[in-house]
């Protein structure tokens, strides 16, 4: 699984303080920790830590680039913030994210082409989040069509089925698994699938257990990537074991260490 480390985000207290104070050391340390834990990519989000998000995003990306060349997912809502992050991060980055409204696709799909980036697209449009998998796949198809129109390879599109907290809307977990399976049928090459995993357990009393279990279920349904806390060893062990049992990795007695290395 392509694991996107979620911890360089201004929503977290220590990271937010580091962004406000232009203190690079907590940022670098968190980047190093996630790389050591096996992250495939690092999510970069200035969050609410600054009134000047464009400049903050550039500084944050350049700070992370001092310690790792891993791909970066540039996470923001404003196009100008994402564009600045992509400029600083270089080719092979990810735009996180757009929604399924056509006016947003017309901005972010060409941006992905311009900066040689992949694109995460949420299955949300002007009508909100669909109630079922069919509605989610309808939005996903709109995203795929826009990618084809603008010359973005369909396997560089990452469809997020938008998982919601299980204590708020329990049936959604099943709808998202169905979405993951069905998205693979929308194009050739197939779009990738991704989840912001921790949303499934938001507000619950058993967050680690719910996250681990749902990640394994989603992997079995065909999930390609997830935005996760890669420093959660139990979560990552569950992911590695699931990959092994689905014959995506070769067994050895020390398979956890072997996978990470």
Protein backbone atom coordinates (compact mmCIF):
# COMPACT_ATOMS: atom_id res chain seq x y z
CA UNK A 1 0.00 0.00 0.00
CA UNK A 2 1.10 3.53 -0.76
CA UNK A 3 1.15 5.15 2.68
CA UNK A 4 0.87 8.93 2.94
CA UNK A 5 2.10 10.19 6.31
CA UNK A 6 -0.39 12.65 7.80
CA UNK A 7 1.59 14.26 10.62
CA UNK A 8 3.08 17.39 9.00
CA UNK A 9 -0.09 19.38 9.45
CA UNK A 10 -0.60 22.72 11.15
CA UNK A 11 -3.64 21.26 12.90
CA UNK A 12 -1.25 19.41 15.22
CA UNK A 13 -0.13 21.65 18.07
CA UNK A 14 3.62 21.18 17.77
CA UNK A 15 3.64 21.51 13.98
CA UNK A 16 1.39 24.58 14.07
CA UNK A 17 3.70 26.26 16.58
CA UNK A 18 6.74 25.42 14.44
CA UNK A 19 5.10 26.98 11.37
CA UNK A 20 4.18 30.17 13.25
CA UNK A 21 7.69 30.48 14.73
CA UNK A 22 9.52 29.42 11.54
CA UNK A 23 11.23 26.75 13.62
CA UNK A 24 12.38 24.04 11.20
CA UNK A 25 13.54 21.41 13.70
CA UNK A 26 10.12 19.95 14.76
CA UNK A 27 9.19 19.77 11.07
CA UNK A 28 12.39 17.97 10.12
CA UNK A 29 12.10 15.57 13.06
CA UNK A 30 8.53 14.63 12.12
CA UNK A 31 9.59 14.10 8.51
CA UNK A 32 12.44 11.83 9.64
CA UNK A 33 10.15 9.84 11.94
CA UNK A 34 7.64 9.19 9.17
CA UNK A 35 10.31 8.22 6.67
CA UNK A 36 11.81 5.79 9.20
CA UNK A 37 8.35 4.32 9.83
CA UNK A 38 8.00 3.43 6.16
CA UNK A 39 6.00 6.29 4.62
CA UNK A 40 5.78 6.30 0.83
CA UNK A 41 4.86 9.99 0.72
CA UNK A 42 4.41 12.86 3.19
CA UNK A 43 1.32 15.03 3.36
CA UNK A 44 2.14 18.74 3.79
CA UNK A 45 -0.57 21.01 5.20
CA UNK A 46 -0.05 24.41 6.84
CA UNK A 47 -3.53 24.23 8.38
CA UNK A 48 -4.72 27.28 10.34
CA UNK A 49 -1.25 28.12 11.65
CA UNK A 50 -0.70 31.26 9.56
CA UNK A 51 -2.42 34.16 7.87
CA UNK A 52 -0.02 33.82 4.91
CA UNK A 53 -0.52 30.24 3.73
CA UNK A 54 1.26 30.65 0.37
CA UNK A 55 4.54 31.73 1.95
CA UNK A 56 4.11 29.20 4.77
CA UNK A 57 3.58 26.35 2.32
CA UNK A 58 6.74 27.25 0.40
CA UNK A 59 8.76 27.38 3.64
CA UNK A 60 7.26 24.13 4.91
CA UNK A 61 8.00 22.21 1.70
CA UNK A 62 11.56 23.55 1.50
CA UNK A 63 12.11 22.60 5.13
CA UNK A 64 10.95 19.03 4.53
CA UNK A 65 13.04 18.83 1.36
CA UNK A 66 16.16 19.36 3.49
CA UNK A 67 15.71 15.89 5.01
CA UNK A 68 13.89 13.76 2.42
CA UNK A 69 13.28 13.38 -1.31
CA UNK A 70 10.09 11.35 -0.82
CA UNK A 71 7.09 12.47 -2.88
CA UNK A 72 4.97 15.11 -1.14
CA UNK A 73 1.18 15.48 -1.08
CA UNK A 74 0.43 19.20 -1.12
CA UNK A 75 -2.66 19.57 1.03
CA UNK A 76 -4.70 22.79 0.88
CA UNK A 77 -8.03 24.19 -0.29
CA UNK A 78 -6.74 27.26 -2.16
CA UNK A 79 -5.27 26.72 -5.66
CA UNK A 80 -2.53 29.31 -5.14
CA UNK A 81 -1.31 27.52 -2.00
CA UNK A 82 -1.20 24.17 -3.79
CA UNK A 83 0.58 25.68 -6.82
CA UNK A 84 3.30 27.16 -4.62
CA UNK A 85 3.75 23.85 -2.83
CA UNK A 86 4.03 21.96 -6.11
CA UNK A 87 6.63 24.42 -7.40
CA UNK A 88 8.75 23.86 -4.30
CA UNK A 89 8.22 20.08 -4.12
CA UNK A 90 9.02 19.19 -7.72
CA UNK A 91 7.63 16.55 -10.12
CA UNK A 92 5.97 13.41 -8.79
CA UNK A 93 3.98 15.23 -6.13
CA UNK A 94 0.28 14.80 -5.31
CA UNK A 95 -2.45 17.45 -5.20
CA UNK A 96 -4.55 16.89 -2.08
CA UNK A 97 -7.24 17.54 -3.11
CA UNK A 98 -10.11 18.54 -5.36
CA UNK A 99 -13.82 17.77 -5.30
CA UNK A 100 -16.07 16.61 -8.11
CA UNK A 101 -17.55 19.98 -9.08
CA UNK A 102 -16.65 20.73 -12.70
CA UNK A 103 -15.39 24.23 -11.89
CA UNK A 104 -12.88 22.74 -9.43
CA UNK A 105 -11.82 20.01 -11.83
CA UNK A 106 -11.18 22.67 -14.48
CA UNK A 107 -8.64 24.24 -12.11
CA UNK A 108 -6.92 21.27 -10.50
CA UNK A 109 -6.72 18.75 -13.36
CA UNK A 110 -4.72 21.13 -15.61
CA UNK A 111 -2.61 22.01 -12.55
CA UNK A 112 -1.75 18.33 -12.12
CA UNK A 113 -0.70 18.15 -15.77
CA UNK A 114 1.37 21.36 -15.52
CA UNK A 115 3.31 20.22 -12.44
CA UNK A 116 3.57 16.50 -13.35
CA UNK A 117 1.52 15.59 -10.27
CA UNK A 118 -1.08 13.03 -9.33
CA UNK A 119 -4.48 14.21 -8.15
CA UNK A 120 -6.62 13.13 -5.20
CA UNK A 121 -10.29 13.72 -5.95
CA UNK A 122 -12.96 13.48 -3.26
CA UNK A 123 -16.32 12.00 -4.23
CA UNK A 124 -18.09 15.19 -3.16
CA UNK A 125 -19.82 17.68 -5.45
CA UNK A 126 -22.22 20.61 -5.21
CA UNK A 127 -24.83 18.25 -3.76
CA UNK A 128 -22.54 17.06 -0.97
CA UNK A 129 -21.47 13.50 -0.22
CA UNK A 130 -23.57 10.84 -1.98
CA UNK A 131 -25.45 8.36 0.18
CA UNK A 132 -24.25 5.25 -1.64
CA UNK A 133 -21.54 3.78 -3.85
CA UNK A 134 -23.40 4.52 -7.10
CA UNK A 135 -23.43 8.23 -6.34
CA UNK A 136 -19.76 8.19 -5.42
CA UNK A 137 -18.84 6.36 -8.62
CA UNK A 138 -20.85 8.84 -10.68
CA UNK A 139 -18.67 11.64 -9.35
CA UNK A 140 -15.55 9.52 -9.86
CA UNK A 141 -16.51 9.02 -13.50
CA UNK A 142 -16.80 12.79 -13.91
CA UNK A 143 -13.26 13.13 -12.52
CA UNK A 144 -11.92 10.46 -14.87
CA UNK A 145 -13.59 12.12 -17.87
CA UNK A 146 -12.00 15.44 -16.94
CA UNK A 147 -8.60 13.78 -16.62
CA UNK A 148 -8.92 12.25 -20.08
CA UNK A 149 -10.03 15.60 -21.53
CA UNK A 150 -7.01 17.44 -20.11
CA UNK A 151 -4.41 14.73 -20.80
CA UNK A 152 -3.85 13.50 -17.25
CA UNK A 153 -3.18 9.74 -17.21
CA UNK A 154 -6.08 8.02 -15.47
CA UNK A 155 -3.74 6.02 -13.24
CA UNK A 156 -2.54 9.33 -11.78
CA UNK A 157 -6.07 10.03 -10.55
CA UNK A 158 -6.66 8.94 -6.95
CA UNK A 159 -10.33 8.62 -6.02
CA UNK A 160 -11.22 9.13 -2.36
CA UNK A 161 -14.53 7.47 -1.48
CA UNK A 162 -14.86 9.78 1.58
CA UNK A 163 -15.19 7.64 4.66
CA UNK A 164 -17.23 9.20 7.49
CA UNK A 165 -17.22 8.43 11.23
CA UNK A 166 -18.79 5.07 11.94
CA UNK A 167 -20.55 6.47 15.02
CA UNK A 168 -22.35 9.02 12.84
CA UNK A 169 -23.25 7.03 9.73
CA UNK A 170 -22.52 3.33 10.11
CA UNK A 171 -23.63 2.18 6.61
CA UNK A 172 -21.07 4.46 4.94
CA UNK A 173 -18.20 2.06 5.68
CA UNK A 174 -19.76 -0.55 3.40
CA UNK A 175 -20.61 1.98 0.69
CA UNK A 176 -17.00 3.15 0.55
CA UNK A 177 -15.70 -0.43 0.22
CA UNK A 178 -18.07 -0.94 -2.70
CA UNK A 179 -16.83 2.33 -4.21
CA UNK A 180 -13.23 1.14 -3.98
CA UNK A 181 -14.12 -2.03 -5.88
CA UNK A 182 -16.19 -0.28 -8.56
CA UNK A 183 -13.77 2.58 -9.28
CA UNK A 184 -11.38 0.04 -10.79
CA UNK A 185 -13.88 -0.49 -13.63
CA UNK A 186 -14.08 3.16 -14.74
CA UNK A 187 -11.05 3.34 -17.03
CA UNK A 188 -8.04 1.48 -18.38
CA UNK A 189 -5.61 2.04 -16.79
CA UNK A 190 -7.75 2.14 -13.68
CA UNK A 191 -7.74 5.13 -11.34
CA UNK A 192 -6.11 4.59 -7.97
CA UNK A 193 -8.11 4.64 -4.74
CA UNK A 194 -7.20 6.44 -1.52
CA UNK A 195 -8.73 7.09 1.90
CA UNK A 196 -8.23 9.56 4.71
CA UNK A 197 -8.38 6.60 7.04
CA UNK A 198 -8.63 8.22 10.47
CA UNK A 199 -12.00 9.79 9.63
CA UNK A 200 -13.68 6.41 10.10
CA UNK A 201 -12.95 6.44 13.83
CA UNK A 202 -13.39 10.14 14.58
CA UNK A 203 -15.19 10.58 17.89
CA UNK A 204 -15.22 6.88 18.81
CA UNK A 205 -13.76 5.25 21.91
CA UNK A 206 -11.80 2.55 20.05
CA UNK A 207 -10.01 4.56 17.41
CA UNK A 208 -6.87 2.41 16.89
CA UNK A 209 -8.89 -0.82 16.62
CA UNK A 210 -11.40 0.67 14.17
CA UNK A 211 -8.63 2.18 12.04
CA UNK A 212 -6.68 -1.08 11.84
CA UNK A 213 -9.70 -3.19 11.04
CA UNK A 214 -11.08 -0.88 8.39
CA UNK A 215 -7.70 -0.49 6.72
CA UNK A 216 -7.41 -4.26 6.31
CA UNK A 217 -10.96 -4.45 4.93
CA UNK A 218 -10.24 -1.63 2.48
CA UNK A 219 -7.02 -3.29 1.32
CA UNK A 220 -8.94 -6.48 0.63
CA UNK A 221 -11.41 -4.41 -1.44
CA UNK A 222 -8.54 -3.08 -3.55
CA UNK A 223 -7.43 0.13 -1.81
CA UNK A 224 -4.20 1.49 -3.27
CA UNK A 225 -3.26 4.27 -0.84
CA UNK A 226 -4.20 5.79 2.49
CA UNK A 227 -3.43 8.95 4.42
CA UNK A 228 -2.47 7.52 7.80
CA UNK A 229 -0.34 7.98 10.90
CA UNK A 230 2.59 5.89 9.71
CA UNK A 231 4.15 6.13 13.19
CA UNK A 232 1.30 3.97 14.53
CA UNK A 233 3.24 0.69 14.58
CA UNK A 234 0.20 -1.54 15.17
CA UNK A 235 -1.64 0.04 12.23
CA UNK A 236 1.30 -0.38 9.89
CA UNK A 237 1.89 -3.96 11.08
CA UNK A 238 -1.72 -4.78 10.23
CA UNK A 239 -1.25 -3.28 6.78
CA UNK A 240 1.95 -5.25 6.17
CA UNK A 241 0.33 -8.49 7.32
CA UNK A 242 -2.69 -7.88 5.07
CA UNK A 243 -0.39 -7.31 2.08
CA UNK A 244 1.38 -10.56 2.91
CA UNK A 245 -1.85 -12.56 3.16
CA UNK A 246 -3.02 -11.14 -0.17
CA UNK A 247 0.21 -12.46 -1.72
CA UNK A 248 1.60 -9.01 -2.44
CA UNK A 249 4.76 -9.73 -0.45
CA UNK A 250 6.90 -12.83 -0.02
CA UNK A 251 6.69 -14.54 3.39
CA UNK A 252 9.67 -14.83 5.69
CA UNK A 253 9.70 -15.21 9.48
CA UNK A 254 10.84 -11.61 9.87
CA UNK A 255 8.36 -10.27 7.32
CA UNK A 256 7.58 -7.02 9.20
CA UNK A 257 11.20 -5.86 9.18
CA UNK A 258 11.73 -7.17 5.67
CA UNK A 259 8.76 -5.20 4.34
CA UNK A 260 9.92 -1.96 5.96
CA UNK A 261 13.45 -2.35 4.66
